[in-house]
């Protein structure tokens, strides 16, 4: 066995051990938390890169006049509403995330799209919460030119909301047999 293969085998074993410990710690809700964690990591990584490389240049066309990466400091909520209400957003985020985490543990039998949607919302909400606490604003950078600039956390929140609406429309009454 080559040195490279030994390193890869060790790395795989190490990651496998971590995943097993996480699953044991979080129990049956581990997938929900893993989704939230992945969303949070992707969101924060992209924002770190934006702050490091994009802040100084402002905007970078990816496909000219269609999609740009544009550095924006959003001190409000969606579409820039409620500007400079940082404390309000921090408190609301703690309440919403706390409610969703409580919901994870209260209900065992809701459809997977509902739980995935809630997990996406938690990851996105925590990502934007970290920005508000660290910087006093949310870092936005995805710019389609015809829509307000947004970030990965916002995308996760919107996808999560779409999944929840899907479940609400599909399951008129959330009956165990239908799920």
Foldseek 3Di string as FASTA:
>chain_A
DDPVVVVVVVVVVVVVVVLVVQCVVVPPCSVLQVLLVVLQVVQVVVLVVCVVPVPVVAWADPPPLFKIFGKDWQQDDAVNPPHVPLVVLLVVLVVLLVVLVVVSVPDDQADPLLSQLSSLLNSLSVNQSVCCVPPVTGIFTIPRPVGDTHTSSVVSNVSSVVSNVVSVVVCVDRDNVVD
